[in-house]
Amino acid sequence: MARHRFGGIADYVISRGTDDVATLEPGTVVTCWNASSGGTQYTDLTEVDGVTPIVTLTADTEGAVPEFMGPDGVRSLYLDANGGAGPRRRSVATDIGEDLTDVESGITALQGSLLDKTTIAAKGDILVGTAAATAARVGVASDGMLLLADSLQAAGVRWGAGWRRRDLPDPLLADAVSAEAPTITVTQQSTSTIASAQALLPPDTGPFLYLGAGDFEFGAAFPDTTLYLPTSRYPNTYSSGQSNWAVEFATDAAEFEIMFKYISSATKYRLTVDGRKVTDLAQLTGASSAGSRHVLKVAFASATPRRIRFDFTTMPFGGLYLEPGATAWRPTSQGGRLGVLGDSISDGSSENTGAGIGTWVYRAGRLLGCTDVWDQARGGTGYITPGSYTTFANRVAGDIAPYSFDRLIVWGGYNDSGGDQGAIGTAAEALYGQLLGEVVPGGEVVVIGCWSPVGSPPDPGTLRSTDATLKAAALAAGVPFISPITGEVYSATGVLLDSQGEWITTENASSYVGGDGVHPTDDGHAYLARRIVEALKVLMPA
């Protein structure tokens, strides 16, 4: 603190003279106090030099109180010209203006370092340090997102869907086969074979959690009017071959039946009990009459609460029958919503069992602890190649935007590799930017480069060129990139994080690529799931 200046022209000793005329009183001794009455006298006064003590403060020949410096830090005091008996009058330091100037300068300097409150744009936004004495806004994410430390981000943090390496399930358990082996029978009829079964729980009511697809509808003609299918994959119609999806429910029944329609030998399912698949590969239903409704009975040795999941391919769903006294209820999904936008490597082919539910997509979902896995791939498609359907970009509005993906993997390019690299790069960069705006706030987009079904493809060559083109587009759009050809994993800022080696080599191609020389086998998809998850782990915080 500091002393402040008092007295001078502003303060006079005045008495009531003859006829009440104010009279100056030169030579009067003046004392200083901290209160208008009573209180404590200030004796720690100095000359204006702030050093020389004042023994007696005396009015000058004009009756003015001389300038003096008050006690340290005192900005106002009370003057008494009557030996302390009063009356007293308050005097304010005459150098307050200098203080105000200093304050104004300090405020001006402070304002220069303050953040404008309009930096905060929405409820839940936060400010984070981006460097020494530097801060920036990080916008609020969607419900359930976690704030993760990430040194690769400009802000040092990011919202994420919650994948951390430490939280992933044990892969040996996540992809294990269940110890339970229920008896499964199929009967061609639309009523239950269970004695005294409860009334059918229709697919649009009851305890069903639909996963891997959305916008479910009944068909227009009988028996499809009783059967549910999703329409969330291009071309987004009931009969468009929306083959890959799942339904879950929990029940304490020892026996239950689901109703379904048999389409063809492509009609398959995989049963999972309490998170463990009963069979590794999708199974034939055992039905043979195309177009007919059937009931599939699952009978356990005893009644106990279980979580039941069916992964379906080309298998319309008609509801659930329960045995007498049993209950069913709706479970909840786990691990957020994971989507894959791709081609037949993800959609499935004749080289693997069970179409899309037999590809790497569903296996990777299990390894990531994610139950809501959407296989939004279509065979033959790509960035600039429509195949029998349409390009990736033309599917975003119908297949991606409406469904709030937490995480989205884009894997394509093989079908484009014979095309113009400039066109591929332009389409890819635009697509990635569009997808970043369509996942939930804080959601993640990851790009996998061009598939190569042969080890060490030529360099330069169409596959390597396409892989490099997609890598450049991912960097330009600010999304992570994983190369199947090199095994390299890049951050969203283009930093090489790891080099895990090429996925398909001259040594393993015969084991993992089918007879058509392009598509993975069942073993190939199991292998790819592990490779993809290991690459994704590099992008996750510990």
Protein backbone atom coordinates (compact mmCIF):
# COMPACT_ATOMS: atom_id res chain seq x y z
CA MET A 1 0.00 0.00 0.00
CA ALA A 2 1.00 3.70 -0.03
CA ARG A 3 0.41 7.02 1.71
CA HIS A 4 -2.04 9.50 0.24
CA ARG A 5 -1.95 13.33 0.09
CA PHE A 6 -4.35 15.46 2.18
CA GLY A 7 -4.82 19.19 2.96
CA GLY A 8 -3.77 22.17 0.89
CA ILE A 9 -6.31 24.45 -0.74
CA ALA A 10 -9.16 22.08 -0.12
CA ASP A 11 -9.12 22.29 3.72
CA TYR A 12 -9.45 25.39 5.97
CA VAL A 13 -9.96 26.01 9.67
CA ILE A 14 -12.99 28.29 9.97
CA SER A 15 -14.74 29.61 13.07
CA ARG A 16 -18.04 31.39 13.58
CA GLY A 17 -17.03 35.01 14.00
CA THR A 18 -18.94 38.19 14.89
CA ASP A 19 -22.42 38.26 13.46
CA ASP A 20 -21.98 34.64 12.35
CA VAL A 21 -19.40 35.62 9.77
CA ALA A 22 -17.11 32.75 8.85
CA THR A 23 -13.60 33.54 10.02
CA LEU A 24 -10.35 31.79 9.05
CA GLU A 25 -8.25 30.68 12.02
CA PRO A 26 -4.53 30.70 11.17
CA GLY A 27 -2.21 28.76 13.49
CA THR A 28 -4.83 26.35 14.73
CA VAL A 29 -3.57 22.89 15.65
CA VAL A 30 -5.43 20.20 13.69
CA THR A 31 -5.63 16.53 14.63
CA CYS A 32 -6.64 13.58 12.41
CA TRP A 33 -9.05 10.79 13.35
CA ASN A 34 -10.50 7.60 11.95
CA ALA A 35 -14.11 8.37 12.96
CA SER A 36 -16.48 11.33 13.06
CA SER A 37 -16.63 11.02 16.86
CA GLY A 38 -14.67 8.94 19.28
CA GLY A 39 -12.39 6.59 17.42
CA THR A 40 -8.60 6.71 17.27
CA GLN A 41 -6.33 9.63 16.45
CA TYR A 42 -3.91 9.21 13.54
CA THR A 43 -0.39 10.27 14.54
CA ASP A 44 1.55 8.59 11.77
CA LEU A 45 1.60 11.67 9.50
CA THR A 46 4.45 12.94 7.31
CA GLU A 47 5.39 15.89 5.18
CA VAL A 48 4.56 15.61 1.49
CA ASP A 49 7.88 13.88 0.95
CA GLY A 50 6.31 10.85 2.65
CA VAL A 51 9.32 10.56 4.97
CA THR A 52 9.63 13.53 7.38
CA PRO A 53 7.34 13.01 10.39
CA ILE A 54 4.86 15.75 11.35
CA VAL A 55 4.91 16.54 15.06
CA THR A 56 2.10 19.10 14.95
CA LEU A 57 -0.28 19.76 12.05
CA THR A 58 -0.95 23.52 12.13
CA ALA A 59 -3.11 25.74 9.92
CA ASP A 60 -1.01 28.24 7.94
CA THR A 61 -1.30 32.04 7.94
CA GLU A 62 -4.34 31.80 5.64
CA GLY A 63 -6.10 29.29 7.87
CA ALA A 64 -5.54 26.47 5.38
CA VAL A 65 -4.59 23.01 6.52
CA PRO A 66 -1.16 22.37 4.98
CA GLU A 67 -0.55 19.43 2.68
CA PHE A 68 0.49 16.27 4.44
CA MET A 69 0.65 12.54 3.84
CA GLY A 70 -1.79 10.38 5.75
CA PRO A 71 -1.14 6.95 7.26
CA ASP A 72 -0.34 4.08 4.94
CA GLY A 73 -3.36 3.00 2.87
CA VAL A 74 -5.78 5.61 4.34
CA ARG A 75 -7.83 7.40 1.69
CA SER A 76 -10.15 9.44 3.98
CA LEU A 77 -9.95 10.74 7.56
CA TYR A 78 -11.60 13.21 9.91
CA LEU A 79 -10.05 16.60 10.80
CA ASP A 80 -10.57 18.14 14.26
CA ALA A 81 -9.52 21.72 15.16
CA ASN A 82 -10.82 21.58 18.76
CA GLY A 83 -8.36 19.33 20.54
CA GLY A 84 -10.23 16.19 19.59
CA ALA A 85 -13.54 17.34 21.08
CA GLY A 86 -15.07 18.07 17.69
CA PRO A 87 -16.78 18.95 15.56
CA ARG A 88 -14.90 16.92 12.91
CA ARG A 89 -15.10 17.14 9.19
CA ARG A 90 -14.21 14.41 6.73
CA SER A 91 -11.34 15.01 4.34
CA VAL A 92 -10.68 12.86 1.29
CA ALA A 93 -7.24 12.33 -0.18
CA THR A 94 -6.47 14.82 -2.93
CA ASP A 95 -4.54 12.30 -5.05
CA ILE A 96 -7.47 9.88 -5.52
CA GLY A 97 -7.56 10.90 -9.16
CA GLU A 98 -4.09 9.46 -9.63
CA ASP A 99 -5.38 6.20 -8.14
CA LEU A 100 -8.29 6.23 -10.52
CA THR A 101 -5.94 6.75 -13.44
CA ASP A 102 -3.91 3.75 -12.31
CA VAL A 103 -7.11 1.73 -11.90
CA GLU A 104 -8.30 2.69 -15.34
CA SER A 105 -4.96 1.67 -16.82
CA GLY A 106 -5.17 -1.64 -14.97
CA ILE A 107 -8.72 -2.23 -16.15
CA THR A 108 -7.72 -1.45 -19.72
CA ALA A 109 -4.85 -3.92 -19.49
CA LEU A 110 -7.12 -6.50 -17.88
CA GLN A 111 -9.78 -6.06 -20.54
CA GLY A 112 -7.20 -6.86 -23.15
CA SER A 113 -6.69 -10.27 -21.56
CA LEU A 114 -10.32 -11.07 -20.81
CA LEU A 115 -12.38 -13.47 -22.89
CA ASP A 116 -15.56 -12.11 -24.37
CA LYS A 117 -18.51 -13.88 -22.77
CA THR A 118 -19.98 -14.36 -26.25
CA THR A 119 -17.21 -16.93 -26.72
CA ILE A 120 -19.60 -19.26 -24.90
CA ALA A 121 -22.18 -20.19 -27.50
CA ALA A 122 -24.34 -22.80 -25.76
CA LYS A 123 -25.20 -24.41 -22.46
CA GLY A 124 -22.45 -26.85 -21.53
CA ASP A 125 -19.65 -25.19 -23.52
CA ILE A 126 -16.30 -25.10 -21.70
CA LEU A 127 -13.12 -23.05 -21.94
CA VAL A 128 -9.81 -24.89 -22.06
CA GLY A 129 -6.21 -23.79 -22.15
CA THR A 130 -4.64 -24.31 -25.57
CA ALA A 131 -1.23 -22.83 -24.65
CA ALA A 132 0.31 -20.59 -22.00
CA ALA A 133 -2.10 -17.72 -21.27
CA THR A 134 -4.32 -18.85 -24.14
CA ALA A 135 -7.82 -20.33 -23.99
CA ALA A 136 -10.44 -21.48 -26.45
CA ARG A 137 -14.01 -22.75 -26.45
CA VAL A 138 -14.79 -26.44 -26.70
CA GLY A 139 -18.45 -26.82 -27.65
CA VAL A 140 -20.78 -29.05 -25.69
CA ALA A 141 -21.16 -32.58 -27.01
CA SER A 142 -24.22 -34.81 -27.06
CA ASP A 143 -25.49 -36.57 -23.96
CA GLY A 144 -23.23 -39.33 -22.70
CA MET A 145 -20.04 -38.11 -24.38
CA LEU A 146 -16.89 -38.00 -22.25
CA LEU A 147 -14.24 -35.28 -22.17
CA LEU A 148 -10.96 -36.98 -23.04
CA ALA A 149 -7.40 -35.70 -22.79
CA ASP A 150 -5.91 -35.83 -26.29
CA SER A 151 -2.60 -34.13 -26.96
CA LEU A 152 -3.13 -34.50 -30.69
CA GLN A 153 -6.02 -32.02 -30.59
CA ALA A 154 -5.45 -28.27 -30.79
CA ALA A 155 -7.41 -27.85 -27.56
CA GLY A 156 -5.61 -30.70 -25.81
CA VAL A 157 -8.96 -32.35 -25.13
CA ARG A 158 -11.87 -33.68 -27.14
CA TRP A 159 -15.29 -35.09 -26.61
CA GLY A 160 -15.44 -38.76 -27.42
CA ALA A 161 -17.85 -41.64 -27.42
CA GLY A 162 -16.03 -43.15 -24.49
CA TRP A 163 -13.82 -45.76 -26.11
CA ARG A 164 -10.72 -46.14 -23.97
CA ARG A 165 -8.36 -49.08 -24.24
CA ARG A 166 -8.70 -49.87 -20.57
CA ASP A 167 -12.49 -50.20 -20.89
CA LEU A 168 -12.62 -52.59 -23.83
CA PRO A 169 -13.78 -56.13 -23.09
CA ASP A 170 -11.43 -59.08 -23.00
CA PRO A 171 -11.37 -60.25 -26.65
CA LEU A 172 -11.37 -63.92 -25.64
CA LEU A 173 -14.59 -63.39 -23.72
CA ALA A 174 -16.24 -60.87 -26.04
CA ASP A 175 -16.06 -63.17 -29.07
CA ALA A 176 -16.42 -66.46 -27.18
CA VAL A 177 -19.07 -69.11 -27.81
CA SER A 178 -21.68 -69.57 -25.08
CA ALA A 179 -21.53 -72.55 -22.77
CA GLU A 180 -25.33 -72.78 -22.98
CA ALA A 181 -26.62 -74.99 -25.78
CA PRO A 182 -30.41 -74.69 -25.99
CA THR A 183 -32.45 -77.00 -28.15
CA ILE A 184 -33.66 -75.22 -31.27
CA THR A 185 -36.49 -76.43 -33.49
CA VAL A 186 -38.31 -74.82 -36.40
CA THR A 187 -41.94 -75.45 -37.38
CA GLN A 188 -43.79 -74.09 -40.38
CA GLN A 189 -46.80 -72.42 -38.80
CA SER A 190 -47.84 -69.02 -37.49
CA THR A 191 -49.04 -70.11 -34.05
CA SER A 192 -46.98 -71.32 -31.14
CA THR A 193 -46.07 -74.95 -30.56
CA ILE A 194 -45.62 -74.23 -26.82
CA ALA A 195 -48.46 -75.69 -24.74
CA SER A 196 -50.74 -72.92 -23.44
CA ALA A 197 -48.41 -70.28 -24.81
CA GLN A 198 -49.13 -66.65 -24.05
CA ALA A 199 -50.49 -64.43 -26.81
CA LEU A 200 -48.03 -63.32 -29.46
CA LEU A 201 -46.04 -60.18 -28.59
CA PRO A 202 -46.11 -58.37 -31.97
CA PRO A 203 -42.88 -56.83 -33.25
CA ASP A 204 -44.13 -53.25 -32.94
CA THR A 205 -44.98 -53.64 -29.23
CA GLY A 206 -43.57 -55.53 -26.32
CA PRO A 207 -40.02 -55.88 -25.03
CA PHE A 208 -37.98 -55.53 -28.21
CA LEU A 209 -34.77 -53.56 -28.56
CA TYR A 210 -33.96 -53.17 -32.24
CA LEU A 211 -30.29 -52.73 -33.08
CA GLY A 212 -28.26 -52.30 -36.22
CA ALA A 213 -31.07 -50.68 -38.20
CA GLY A 214 -34.03 -48.32 -37.89
CA ASP A 215 -37.34 -47.16 -39.34
CA PHE A 216 -39.01 -50.56 -39.05
CA GLU A 217 -42.16 -51.21 -41.04
CA PHE A 218 -44.70 -53.93 -41.76
CA GLY A 219 -45.05 -55.08 -45.35
CA ALA A 220 -47.93 -54.18 -47.63
CA ALA A 221 -49.20 -57.68 -48.52
CA PHE A 222 -50.00 -60.66 -46.30
CA PRO A 223 -48.13 -62.26 -44.55
CA ASP A 224 -45.71 -59.32 -44.61
CA THR A 225 -48.40 -57.23 -42.89
CA THR A 226 -47.44 -59.16 -39.73
CA LEU A 227 -43.67 -59.05 -40.25
CA TYR A 228 -41.15 -56.34 -39.38
CA LEU A 229 -38.18 -55.15 -41.45
CA PRO A 230 -36.10 -51.96 -41.25
CA THR A 231 -35.82 -49.45 -44.09
CA SER A 232 -32.72 -47.60 -42.95
CA ARG A 233 -30.36 -48.82 -45.70
CA TYR A 234 -30.42 -47.77 -49.35
CA PRO A 235 -32.72 -47.93 -51.24
CA ASN A 236 -34.72 -47.62 -48.00
CA THR A 237 -37.75 -49.72 -48.84
CA TYR A 238 -39.31 -52.76 -47.18
CA SER A 239 -38.26 -55.07 -49.99
CA SER A 240 -34.82 -53.57 -50.54
CA GLY A 241 -32.91 -56.40 -48.97
CA GLN A 242 -32.27 -54.81 -45.58
CA SER A 243 -30.68 -57.99 -44.37
CA ASN A 244 -28.40 -57.16 -41.47
CA TRP A 245 -29.89 -56.18 -38.13
CA ALA A 246 -30.60 -57.49 -34.64
CA VAL A 247 -33.30 -57.71 -32.00
CA GLU A 248 -32.75 -58.16 -28.27
CA PHE A 249 -35.07 -58.91 -25.37
CA ALA A 250 -34.68 -60.29 -21.87
CA THR A 251 -36.81 -63.13 -20.54
CA ASP A 252 -37.01 -65.59 -17.67
CA ALA A 253 -38.64 -68.23 -19.89
CA ALA A 254 -37.20 -71.70 -20.23
CA GLU A 255 -38.90 -71.88 -23.63
CA PHE A 256 -39.88 -69.21 -26.10
CA GLU A 257 -40.53 -68.94 -29.85
CA ILE A 258 -39.98 -66.23 -32.40
CA MET A 259 -42.01 -65.99 -35.56
CA PHE A 260 -40.23 -65.30 -38.84
CA LYS A 261 -40.67 -65.58 -42.58
CA TYR A 262 -38.45 -67.87 -44.59
CA ILE A 263 -37.18 -66.15 -47.73
CA SER A 264 -34.50 -68.45 -49.13
CA SER A 265 -31.27 -70.18 -48.21
CA ALA A 266 -29.99 -66.66 -47.49
CA THR A 267 -32.30 -66.56 -44.44
CA LYS A 268 -29.93 -67.03 -41.49
CA TYR A 269 -29.58 -66.03 -37.85
CA ARG A 270 -27.12 -66.04 -34.98
CA LEU A 271 -28.40 -66.54 -31.42
CA THR A 272 -26.57 -64.88 -28.52
CA VAL A 273 -27.32 -65.56 -24.85
CA ASP A 274 -26.13 -63.15 -22.17
CA GLY A 275 -23.56 -61.65 -24.51
CA ARG A 276 -22.14 -64.98 -25.72
CA LYS A 277 -22.95 -66.28 -29.20
CA VAL A 278 -24.32 -69.82 -29.28
CA THR A 279 -22.59 -70.45 -32.62
CA ASP A 280 -19.72 -68.56 -34.17
CA LEU A 281 -21.26 -68.38 -37.64
CA ALA A 282 -24.78 -67.55 -38.71
CA GLN A 283 -27.06 -70.60 -38.96
CA LEU A 284 -29.62 -71.80 -41.47
CA THR A 285 -33.11 -71.81 -40.02
CA GLY A 286 -33.96 -75.31 -41.19
CA ALA A 287 -37.03 -74.02 -43.02
CA SER A 288 -37.68 -74.90 -46.64
CA SER A 289 -40.98 -73.36 -47.76
CA ALA A 290 -40.16 -69.95 -49.20
CA GLY A 291 -42.64 -67.20 -48.34
CA SER A 292 -44.13 -69.05 -45.35
CA ARG A 293 -44.15 -68.08 -41.71
CA HIS A 294 -42.39 -70.30 -39.20
CA VAL A 295 -41.78 -70.41 -35.47
CA LEU A 296 -38.30 -71.01 -34.11
CA LYS A 297 -38.37 -72.50 -30.61
CA VAL A 298 -35.51 -72.05 -28.16
CA ALA A 299 -35.65 -74.41 -25.18
CA PHE A 300 -33.23 -74.16 -22.24
CA ALA A 301 -32.74 -76.73 -19.50
CA SER A 302 -34.16 -74.35 -16.87
CA ALA A 303 -35.93 -71.04 -16.42
CA THR A 304 -33.71 -68.12 -15.37
CA PRO A 305 -33.38 -64.51 -16.51
CA ARG A 306 -31.37 -64.25 -19.73
CA ARG A 307 -30.59 -61.59 -22.28
CA ILE A 308 -31.41 -62.89 -25.76
CA ARG A 309 -30.13 -61.52 -29.05
CA PHE A 310 -30.86 -62.56 -32.62
CA ASP A 311 -28.73 -61.27 -35.48
CA PHE A 312 -30.78 -61.64 -38.65
CA THR A 313 -29.98 -61.69 -42.33
CA THR A 314 -32.86 -61.80 -44.83
CA MET A 315 -35.22 -62.89 -42.04
CA PRO A 316 -38.39 -60.80 -41.41
CA PHE A 317 -39.42 -60.85 -37.76
CA GLY A 318 -42.97 -61.53 -36.57
CA GLY A 319 -42.85 -61.37 -32.77
CA LEU A 320 -42.40 -63.51 -29.65
CA TYR A 321 -44.33 -66.31 -27.93
CA LEU A 322 -43.65 -67.03 -24.23
CA GLU A 323 -44.46 -70.08 -22.18
CA PRO A 324 -47.09 -69.71 -19.40
CA GLY A 325 -45.94 -67.63 -16.43
CA ALA A 326 -42.86 -66.22 -18.18
CA THR A 327 -42.02 -62.55 -18.54
CA ALA A 328 -40.06 -60.58 -21.11
CA TRP A 329 -38.64 -57.08 -20.84
CA ARG A 330 -36.64 -54.63 -22.89
CA PRO A 331 -32.87 -54.42 -22.28
CA THR A 332 -30.64 -51.43 -23.08
CA SER A 333 -27.93 -51.07 -25.68
CA GLN A 334 -24.25 -50.83 -24.77
CA GLY A 335 -21.24 -49.08 -26.23
CA GLY A 336 -22.94 -46.37 -28.27
CA ARG A 337 -23.96 -46.59 -31.91
CA LEU A 338 -21.32 -47.75 -34.37
CA GLY A 339 -21.89 -47.44 -38.11
CA VAL A 340 -19.93 -48.70 -41.10
CA LEU A 341 -20.32 -47.09 -44.52
CA GLY A 342 -18.66 -49.32 -47.05
CA ASP A 343 -18.78 -51.88 -49.83
CA SER A 344 -18.99 -55.69 -50.01
CA ILE A 345 -15.95 -56.18 -47.79
CA SER A 346 -18.27 -55.04 -45.00
CA ASP A 347 -21.63 -56.01 -46.55
CA GLY A 348 -20.57 -59.64 -47.08
CA SER A 349 -20.25 -61.88 -50.10
CA SER A 350 -20.60 -65.50 -51.16
CA GLU A 351 -17.15 -66.12 -49.69
CA ASN A 352 -18.40 -65.73 -46.10
CA THR A 353 -21.30 -67.20 -44.12
CA GLY A 354 -24.26 -65.06 -43.17
CA ALA A 355 -23.83 -62.01 -45.39
CA GLY A 356 -23.26 -58.86 -43.30
CA ILE A 357 -23.77 -60.51 -39.91
CA GLY A 358 -20.85 -62.76 -40.79
CA THR A 359 -18.38 -60.02 -41.70
CA TRP A 360 -15.75 -58.25 -39.62
CA VAL A 361 -18.34 -55.60 -38.70
CA TYR A 362 -20.29 -57.59 -36.10
CA ARG A 363 -17.13 -59.22 -34.75
CA ALA A 364 -15.46 -55.84 -34.29
CA GLY A 365 -18.57 -54.59 -32.52
CA ARG A 366 -18.29 -57.41 -29.99
CA LEU A 367 -14.57 -56.74 -29.48
CA LEU A 368 -15.39 -53.07 -28.86
CA GLY A 369 -18.19 -53.83 -26.41
CA CYS A 370 -20.75 -52.32 -28.77
CA THR A 371 -24.16 -53.95 -29.26
CA ASP A 372 -25.69 -51.40 -31.65
CA VAL A 373 -23.67 -52.03 -34.82
CA TRP A 374 -25.11 -50.77 -38.11
CA ASP A 375 -23.74 -52.38 -41.25
CA GLN A 376 -24.62 -49.64 -43.75
CA ALA A 377 -22.42 -51.12 -46.47
CA ARG A 378 -23.56 -51.97 -49.97
CA GLY A 379 -21.61 -54.24 -52.33
CA GLY A 380 -20.13 -52.70 -55.45
CA THR A 381 -20.30 -49.11 -54.21
CA GLY A 382 -17.65 -46.50 -53.54
CA TYR A 383 -16.73 -42.83 -53.56
CA ILE A 384 -17.34 -42.32 -57.27
CA THR A 385 -18.66 -45.78 -58.18
CA PRO A 386 -22.38 -46.47 -57.64
CA GLY A 387 -22.34 -50.17 -58.47
CA SER A 388 -25.89 -51.52 -58.38
CA TYR A 389 -26.89 -48.86 -55.83
CA THR A 390 -25.31 -45.40 -55.50
CA THR A 391 -22.19 -43.67 -54.22
CA PHE A 392 -21.38 -43.12 -50.56
CA ALA A 393 -22.21 -39.41 -50.72
CA ASN A 394 -25.65 -40.06 -52.17
CA ARG A 395 -26.47 -42.33 -49.23
CA VAL A 396 -25.56 -39.97 -46.39
CA ALA A 397 -28.94 -38.23 -46.22
CA GLY A 398 -30.93 -41.48 -46.06
CA ASP A 399 -28.55 -43.90 -44.37
CA ILE A 400 -26.40 -41.83 -41.99
CA ALA A 401 -27.85 -38.42 -41.14
CA PRO A 402 -31.10 -39.55 -39.46
CA TYR A 403 -29.56 -42.08 -37.08
CA SER A 404 -27.21 -40.26 -34.66
CA PHE A 405 -24.06 -42.33 -34.93
CA ASP A 406 -21.55 -42.00 -32.13
CA ARG A 407 -18.83 -43.58 -34.24
CA LEU A 408 -18.66 -44.04 -37.98
CA ILE A 409 -16.11 -46.04 -39.96
CA VAL A 410 -15.81 -45.44 -43.71
CA TRP A 411 -14.15 -48.26 -45.63
CA GLY A 412 -14.19 -48.18 -49.40
CA GLY A 413 -12.10 -47.35 -52.42
CA TYR A 414 -11.50 -50.80 -53.92
CA ASN A 415 -14.37 -50.35 -56.40
CA ASP A 416 -13.07 -46.86 -57.28
CA SER A 417 -9.41 -47.76 -57.76
CA GLY A 418 -9.60 -47.88 -61.55
CA GLY A 419 -11.06 -44.38 -61.69
CA ASP A 420 -9.60 -40.89 -61.75
CA GLN A 421 -7.62 -40.24 -58.57
CA GLY A 422 -8.46 -36.54 -58.56
CA ALA A 423 -12.18 -37.33 -58.65
CA ILE A 424 -11.78 -39.93 -55.89
CA GLY A 425 -9.91 -37.45 -53.68
CA THR A 426 -12.43 -34.66 -54.22
CA ALA A 427 -15.36 -36.96 -53.48
CA ALA A 428 -13.66 -38.46 -50.42
CA GLU A 429 -12.71 -35.14 -48.83
CA ALA A 430 -16.23 -33.77 -49.33
CA LEU A 431 -17.74 -36.97 -47.91
CA TYR A 432 -15.59 -36.90 -44.76
CA GLY A 433 -16.45 -33.28 -44.07
CA GLN A 434 -20.13 -34.05 -44.53
CA LEU A 435 -19.98 -37.04 -42.20
CA LEU A 436 -18.28 -35.00 -39.46
CA GLY A 437 -21.38 -32.85 -39.45
CA GLU A 438 -23.74 -35.81 -39.30
CA VAL A 439 -22.36 -37.83 -36.38
CA VAL A 440 -23.49 -36.71 -32.94
CA PRO A 441 -21.59 -33.73 -31.44
CA GLY A 442 -18.34 -35.19 -30.22
CA GLY A 443 -18.79 -38.26 -32.41
CA GLU A 444 -15.93 -39.91 -34.27
CA VAL A 445 -15.30 -40.57 -37.97
CA VAL A 446 -12.46 -42.92 -38.96
CA VAL A 447 -11.40 -43.76 -42.52
CA ILE A 448 -9.96 -47.10 -43.59
CA GLY A 449 -8.07 -46.92 -46.86
CA CYS A 450 -8.19 -49.08 -49.94
CA TRP A 451 -8.60 -52.83 -49.48
CA SER A 452 -5.99 -55.04 -51.08
CA PRO A 453 -6.74 -58.78 -51.38
CA VAL A 454 -3.13 -59.45 -52.38
CA GLY A 455 0.06 -58.88 -50.47
CA SER A 456 2.36 -56.02 -51.46
CA PRO A 457 0.32 -54.57 -54.36
CA PRO A 458 2.46 -52.81 -57.00
CA ASP A 459 3.78 -49.35 -56.25
CA PRO A 460 2.74 -47.32 -58.12
CA GLY A 461 -0.50 -49.09 -58.78
CA THR A 462 -4.22 -48.43 -58.65
CA LEU A 463 -4.69 -49.85 -55.12
CA ARG A 464 -1.72 -48.00 -53.61
CA SER A 465 -2.64 -44.82 -55.45
CA THR A 466 -6.20 -44.97 -54.15
CA ASP A 467 -4.95 -45.64 -50.63
CA ALA A 468 -2.68 -42.59 -50.84
CA THR A 469 -5.50 -40.49 -52.27
CA LEU A 470 -7.83 -41.42 -49.42
CA LYS A 471 -5.09 -40.73 -46.87
CA ALA A 472 -4.61 -37.20 -48.28
CA ALA A 473 -8.36 -36.59 -48.26
CA ALA A 474 -8.64 -37.74 -44.65
CA LEU A 475 -5.85 -35.38 -43.58
CA ALA A 476 -7.48 -32.49 -45.47
CA ALA A 477 -10.82 -33.19 -43.75
CA GLY A 478 -9.26 -33.73 -40.32
CA VAL A 479 -10.18 -37.36 -39.68
CA PRO A 480 -7.97 -40.32 -38.66
CA PHE A 481 -6.80 -42.72 -41.35
CA ILE A 482 -5.90 -46.43 -41.26
CA SER A 483 -4.17 -48.06 -44.23
CA PRO A 484 -4.83 -51.77 -44.84
CA ILE A 485 -1.98 -51.84 -47.36
CA THR A 486 0.74 -50.51 -45.03
CA GLY A 487 -0.84 -50.99 -41.61
CA GLU A 488 -0.09 -47.35 -40.78
CA VAL A 489 -2.40 -45.45 -38.43
CA TYR A 490 -2.58 -41.65 -38.69
CA SER A 491 -4.19 -39.14 -36.34
CA ALA A 492 -6.72 -36.58 -37.53
CA THR A 493 -3.82 -34.12 -37.90
CA GLY A 494 -1.81 -36.50 -40.07
CA VAL A 495 0.63 -37.66 -37.39
CA LEU A 496 1.84 -41.24 -37.91
CA LEU A 497 0.91 -42.98 -34.66
CA ASP A 498 1.80 -46.57 -35.45
CA SER A 499 2.86 -48.87 -38.27
CA GLN A 500 1.36 -52.31 -37.71
CA GLY A 501 2.25 -53.98 -40.99
CA GLU A 502 0.17 -54.80 -44.07
CA TRP A 503 -3.03 -56.72 -43.42
CA ILE A 504 -2.95 -59.11 -46.37
CA THR A 505 0.43 -60.55 -47.26
CA THR A 506 1.64 -63.06 -49.81
CA GLU A 507 1.83 -65.54 -46.94
CA ASN A 508 -1.70 -65.17 -45.51
CA ALA A 509 -3.76 -64.29 -48.60
CA SER A 510 -4.70 -67.90 -49.32
CA SER A 511 -6.00 -68.30 -45.76
CA TYR A 512 -8.03 -65.11 -45.57
CA VAL A 513 -9.17 -64.31 -49.14
CA GLY A 514 -11.79 -66.46 -50.86
CA GLY A 515 -11.75 -68.22 -54.20
CA ASP A 516 -12.95 -65.12 -56.04
CA GLY A 517 -9.61 -63.48 -55.19
CA VAL A 518 -11.29 -60.42 -53.67
CA HIS A 519 -13.51 -61.10 -50.68
CA PRO A 520 -12.52 -62.34 -47.22
CA THR A 521 -13.50 -65.80 -46.00
CA ASP A 522 -15.02 -66.44 -42.57
CA ASP A 523 -11.50 -66.75 -41.18
CA GLY A 524 -10.55 -63.63 -43.09
CA HIS A 525 -13.32 -61.61 -41.44
CA ALA A 526 -12.34 -62.89 -38.00
CA TYR A 527 -8.78 -61.80 -38.77
CA LEU A 528 -9.81 -58.40 -40.14
CA ALA A 529 -11.91 -57.68 -37.06
CA ARG A 530 -8.82 -58.14 -34.88
CA ARG A 531 -6.65 -55.99 -37.16
CA ILE A 532 -9.20 -53.20 -37.33
CA VAL A 533 -9.78 -53.12 -33.58
CA GLU A 534 -6.03 -53.04 -32.92
CA ALA A 535 -5.71 -50.08 -35.29
CA LEU A 536 -8.63 -48.32 -33.60
CA LYS A 537 -6.97 -48.83 -30.22
CA VAL A 538 -4.09 -46.67 -31.38
CA LEU A 539 -6.55 -43.82 -31.80
CA MET A 540 -8.01 -44.28 -28.32
CA PRO A 541 -6.77 -42.79 -25.07
CA ALA A 542 -5.33 -45.31 -22.64
